[in-house]
Structures are given as structure tokens and as C-alpha cells.
N, C-alpha and C. Protein backbone atom coordinates (compact mmCIF):
# COMPACT_ATOMS: atom_id res chain seq x y z
N MET A 1 84.13 -60.95 -5.54
CA MET A 1 84.75 -60.49 -4.32
C MET A 1 85.92 -59.59 -4.67
N LYS A 2 86.17 -58.60 -3.84
CA LYS A 2 87.31 -57.71 -4.02
C LYS A 2 88.31 -57.96 -2.91
N ILE A 3 89.58 -58.00 -3.30
CA ILE A 3 90.65 -58.11 -2.32
C ILE A 3 91.71 -57.08 -2.65
N LYS A 4 92.50 -56.76 -1.63
CA LYS A 4 93.61 -55.82 -1.80
C LYS A 4 94.90 -56.62 -1.79
N LEU A 5 95.78 -56.30 -2.75
CA LEU A 5 97.07 -56.97 -2.85
C LEU A 5 98.18 -55.98 -2.60
N LEU A 6 99.16 -56.42 -1.85
CA LEU A 6 100.38 -55.64 -1.66
C LEU A 6 101.54 -56.53 -2.09
N PHE A 7 102.30 -56.07 -3.07
CA PHE A 7 103.49 -56.77 -3.51
C PHE A 7 104.70 -56.07 -2.91
N GLY A 8 105.63 -56.84 -2.36
CA GLY A 8 106.84 -56.28 -1.80
C GLY A 8 108.05 -56.72 -2.58
N GLY A 9 109.13 -55.95 -2.47
CA GLY A 9 110.41 -56.31 -3.08
C GLY A 9 110.31 -56.50 -4.57
N ILE A 10 110.91 -57.57 -5.05
CA ILE A 10 110.96 -57.87 -6.48
C ILE A 10 109.56 -58.01 -7.08
N TYR A 11 108.60 -58.46 -6.29
CA TYR A 11 107.25 -58.67 -6.82
C TYR A 11 106.57 -57.35 -7.20
N SER A 12 106.87 -56.28 -6.47
CA SER A 12 106.30 -54.98 -6.85
C SER A 12 106.91 -54.49 -8.16
N GLU A 13 108.17 -54.81 -8.38
CA GLU A 13 108.81 -54.44 -9.64
C GLU A 13 108.20 -55.22 -10.80
N LEU A 14 107.96 -56.51 -10.60
CA LEU A 14 107.38 -57.34 -11.65
C LEU A 14 105.93 -56.94 -11.94
N ALA A 15 105.19 -56.56 -10.89
CA ALA A 15 103.78 -56.17 -11.06
C ALA A 15 103.64 -54.73 -11.51
N LYS A 16 104.73 -53.98 -11.50
CA LYS A 16 104.78 -52.57 -11.90
C LYS A 16 104.11 -51.62 -10.91
N SER A 17 103.77 -52.13 -9.75
CA SER A 17 103.24 -51.32 -8.66
C SER A 17 103.23 -52.19 -7.41
N ASP A 18 103.07 -51.55 -6.26
CA ASP A 18 103.05 -52.36 -5.05
C ASP A 18 101.64 -52.62 -4.52
N LYS A 19 100.65 -51.83 -4.92
CA LYS A 19 99.30 -52.00 -4.38
C LYS A 19 98.28 -52.12 -5.51
N TYR A 20 97.38 -53.06 -5.34
CA TYR A 20 96.30 -53.28 -6.28
C TYR A 20 95.05 -53.67 -5.52
N GLU A 21 93.92 -53.35 -6.09
CA GLU A 21 92.65 -53.90 -5.64
C GLU A 21 92.10 -54.67 -6.82
N ILE A 22 91.86 -55.95 -6.64
CA ILE A 22 91.38 -56.76 -7.76
C ILE A 22 90.06 -57.40 -7.40
N GLU A 23 89.29 -57.67 -8.43
CA GLU A 23 88.02 -58.37 -8.25
C GLU A 23 88.17 -59.77 -8.81
N ILE A 24 87.70 -60.72 -8.04
CA ILE A 24 87.76 -62.13 -8.43
C ILE A 24 86.32 -62.63 -8.52
N ASN A 25 86.00 -63.29 -9.61
CA ASN A 25 84.63 -63.72 -9.84
C ASN A 25 84.22 -64.93 -9.01
N ASP A 26 85.17 -65.58 -8.41
CA ASP A 26 84.90 -66.78 -7.60
C ASP A 26 84.67 -66.36 -6.15
N ASN A 27 83.60 -66.84 -5.54
CA ASN A 27 83.32 -66.50 -4.14
C ASN A 27 84.09 -67.37 -3.16
N ILE A 28 84.60 -68.49 -3.59
CA ILE A 28 85.39 -69.36 -2.72
C ILE A 28 86.77 -69.47 -3.35
N ILE A 29 87.74 -68.90 -2.65
CA ILE A 29 89.11 -68.89 -3.19
C ILE A 29 90.09 -69.09 -2.03
N ASN A 30 91.15 -69.84 -2.32
CA ASN A 30 92.22 -70.02 -1.34
C ASN A 30 93.50 -69.43 -1.93
N ILE A 31 94.58 -69.54 -1.22
CA ILE A 31 95.84 -68.93 -1.66
C ILE A 31 96.30 -69.55 -2.99
N GLU A 32 96.15 -70.85 -3.13
CA GLU A 32 96.59 -71.50 -4.36
C GLU A 32 95.84 -70.93 -5.57
N LYS A 33 94.55 -70.75 -5.45
CA LYS A 33 93.77 -70.14 -6.54
C LYS A 33 94.18 -68.69 -6.76
N LEU A 34 94.44 -67.97 -5.68
CA LEU A 34 94.87 -66.58 -5.80
C LEU A 34 96.18 -66.48 -6.57
N LEU A 35 97.11 -67.38 -6.30
CA LEU A 35 98.39 -67.36 -7.01
C LEU A 35 98.20 -67.61 -8.50
N LEU A 36 97.20 -68.40 -8.86
CA LEU A 36 96.87 -68.60 -10.28
C LEU A 36 96.30 -67.33 -10.89
N VAL A 37 95.45 -66.62 -10.14
CA VAL A 37 94.90 -65.35 -10.61
C VAL A 37 96.02 -64.33 -10.81
N ILE A 38 96.97 -64.29 -9.87
CA ILE A 38 98.10 -63.36 -9.99
C ILE A 38 98.93 -63.70 -11.23
N LYS A 39 99.11 -64.98 -11.48
CA LYS A 39 99.86 -65.39 -12.67
C LYS A 39 99.15 -64.93 -13.94
N GLU A 40 97.83 -65.06 -13.97
CA GLU A 40 97.06 -64.65 -15.14
C GLU A 40 97.04 -63.13 -15.31
N LYS A 41 96.78 -62.39 -14.23
CA LYS A 41 96.61 -60.94 -14.32
C LYS A 41 97.92 -60.18 -14.45
N PHE A 42 98.97 -60.66 -13.75
CA PHE A 42 100.22 -59.91 -13.69
C PHE A 42 101.39 -60.62 -14.36
N ASN A 43 101.17 -61.84 -14.83
CA ASN A 43 102.21 -62.64 -15.46
C ASN A 43 103.39 -62.86 -14.50
N ILE A 44 103.06 -63.10 -13.24
CA ILE A 44 104.07 -63.37 -12.21
C ILE A 44 103.76 -64.74 -11.61
N ASP A 45 104.70 -65.67 -11.72
CA ASP A 45 104.50 -67.00 -11.15
C ASP A 45 105.19 -67.07 -9.79
N ILE A 46 104.39 -66.96 -8.75
CA ILE A 46 104.91 -66.88 -7.38
C ILE A 46 104.81 -68.22 -6.65
N LYS A 47 104.03 -69.15 -7.18
CA LYS A 47 103.75 -70.40 -6.47
C LYS A 47 105.02 -71.14 -6.05
N ASP A 48 105.98 -71.29 -6.95
CA ASP A 48 107.23 -72.00 -6.60
C ASP A 48 107.98 -71.27 -5.50
N ASP A 49 108.00 -69.93 -5.55
CA ASP A 49 108.66 -69.16 -4.50
C ASP A 49 107.99 -69.39 -3.15
N VAL A 50 106.67 -69.42 -3.14
CA VAL A 50 105.93 -69.66 -1.89
C VAL A 50 106.21 -71.07 -1.39
N ASP A 51 106.15 -72.06 -2.30
CA ASP A 51 106.39 -73.45 -1.91
C ASP A 51 107.78 -73.65 -1.32
N ARG A 52 108.78 -72.93 -1.84
CA ARG A 52 110.17 -73.09 -1.38
C ARG A 52 110.52 -72.17 -0.21
N GLY A 53 109.58 -71.32 0.20
CA GLY A 53 109.86 -70.41 1.30
C GLY A 53 110.57 -69.14 0.86
N ASN A 54 110.58 -68.89 -0.45
CA ASN A 54 111.22 -67.69 -0.97
C ASN A 54 110.25 -66.53 -1.12
N ALA A 55 109.03 -66.72 -0.69
CA ALA A 55 108.03 -65.65 -0.65
C ALA A 55 107.13 -65.91 0.56
N ILE A 56 106.73 -64.85 1.19
CA ILE A 56 105.85 -64.94 2.36
C ILE A 56 104.49 -64.37 1.97
N VAL A 57 103.43 -65.10 2.34
CA VAL A 57 102.07 -64.63 2.08
C VAL A 57 101.42 -64.30 3.42
N LEU A 58 100.91 -63.10 3.52
CA LEU A 58 100.20 -62.65 4.71
C LEU A 58 98.75 -62.40 4.34
N ILE A 59 97.84 -62.88 5.15
CA ILE A 59 96.42 -62.55 5.00
C ILE A 59 96.05 -61.68 6.19
N ASN A 60 95.70 -60.44 5.89
CA ASN A 60 95.36 -59.47 6.94
C ASN A 60 96.46 -59.41 8.00
N GLY A 61 97.72 -59.46 7.54
CA GLY A 61 98.86 -59.34 8.44
C GLY A 61 99.30 -60.64 9.10
N ARG A 62 98.60 -61.72 8.83
CA ARG A 62 98.92 -63.01 9.47
C ARG A 62 99.67 -63.90 8.48
N ASN A 63 100.85 -64.35 8.88
CA ASN A 63 101.68 -65.21 8.03
C ASN A 63 101.02 -66.58 7.91
N ILE A 64 100.87 -67.03 6.68
CA ILE A 64 100.30 -68.36 6.47
C ILE A 64 101.39 -69.26 5.91
N LYS A 65 101.33 -70.52 6.27
CA LYS A 65 102.34 -71.47 5.82
C LYS A 65 101.75 -72.49 4.85
N ALA A 66 100.54 -72.96 5.09
CA ALA A 66 99.92 -73.99 4.25
C ALA A 66 99.08 -73.32 3.18
N ILE A 67 99.52 -73.42 1.95
CA ILE A 67 98.91 -72.68 0.85
C ILE A 67 97.43 -72.97 0.68
N GLY A 68 97.02 -74.21 0.62
CA GLY A 68 95.65 -74.53 0.26
C GLY A 68 94.63 -74.39 1.37
N LYS A 69 95.04 -74.19 2.59
CA LYS A 69 94.12 -74.28 3.72
C LYS A 69 93.42 -72.99 4.10
N PHE A 70 93.90 -71.86 3.67
CA PHE A 70 93.32 -70.59 4.09
C PHE A 70 92.36 -70.06 3.05
N LYS A 71 91.14 -69.82 3.47
CA LYS A 71 90.12 -69.24 2.58
C LYS A 71 90.27 -67.73 2.61
N ILE A 72 90.19 -67.14 1.43
CA ILE A 72 90.26 -65.69 1.31
C ILE A 72 88.84 -65.16 1.24
N ASN A 73 88.58 -64.10 1.98
CA ASN A 73 87.25 -63.50 2.04
C ASN A 73 87.23 -62.14 1.37
N ASP A 74 86.05 -61.70 1.02
CA ASP A 74 85.87 -60.38 0.43
C ASP A 74 86.47 -59.32 1.35
N GLY A 75 87.27 -58.43 0.79
CA GLY A 75 87.87 -57.35 1.55
C GLY A 75 89.19 -57.69 2.22
N ASP A 76 89.64 -58.93 2.10
CA ASP A 76 90.92 -59.31 2.72
C ASP A 76 92.08 -58.55 2.09
N PHE A 77 93.12 -58.35 2.88
CA PHE A 77 94.34 -57.68 2.46
C PHE A 77 95.44 -58.73 2.40
N ILE A 78 95.93 -58.99 1.19
CA ILE A 78 96.94 -60.03 0.98
C ILE A 78 98.27 -59.36 0.65
N SER A 79 99.30 -59.73 1.40
CA SER A 79 100.66 -59.22 1.15
C SER A 79 101.51 -60.38 0.66
N ILE A 80 102.27 -60.14 -0.37
CA ILE A 80 103.21 -61.14 -0.89
C ILE A 80 104.56 -60.47 -0.96
N ILE A 81 105.46 -60.97 -0.11
CA ILE A 81 106.76 -60.32 0.03
C ILE A 81 107.88 -61.37 0.07
N PRO A 82 109.08 -60.99 -0.36
CA PRO A 82 110.21 -61.90 -0.18
C PRO A 82 110.56 -61.96 1.32
N PRO A 83 111.16 -63.06 1.75
CA PRO A 83 111.54 -63.13 3.17
C PRO A 83 112.58 -62.08 3.50
N ILE A 84 112.51 -61.60 4.71
CA ILE A 84 113.45 -60.58 5.16
C ILE A 84 114.69 -61.28 5.70
N LYS A 85 115.82 -60.92 5.15
CA LYS A 85 117.09 -61.54 5.55
C LYS A 85 118.04 -60.43 5.96
N GLY A 86 118.84 -60.73 6.90
CA GLY A 86 119.80 -59.73 7.34
C GLY A 86 120.98 -60.40 8.01
N GLY A 87 121.88 -59.58 8.40
CA GLY A 87 123.04 -60.19 9.02
C GLY A 87 123.75 -59.28 9.95
């Protein structure tokens, strides 16, 4: 399956780009598995940030909160961004 990744903020700096299209050999994948793939491919460990609320994961523009519950499908657009803070 192919998915599109968008890294925002510090994650784009760590990944050395903000947009990628990656192929995953597994047909059934959730966010937790995707975060492991990102760790392997880009050497970026985002899972703790997501667990603590220091990173936001969007699937096709929809904010997800429960990491393991959302299935990723072929062609999905995944955004991983730091939370937006302002004052």
C-alpha cells in the first residue's frame, strides 16, 4: 500500500523534507504500526510525542486521538505535526 506523509514543524526538519510518499508492505496497518515504520525509515521516534499530546496525527485531515484504533488505507494522507500553540 502507498500512503502520503506530511511532516510539520520539527518533524519536517528531522525527516529532511515535509512530504513523502512511502510504500508499506503490510495491507493492514494502524497508526501505531505506521509510527514504527517512520522510526525505521526516517529514524524519528514520534510515538512518545503522540502519546503525550506533543504531536498531532491527522488521517485525511481528521484528527485522531486513539493511536491503535484507526486503520490506514491505501492512498491515505497522514499528517504529523506539533500542536499549534499561541498566545
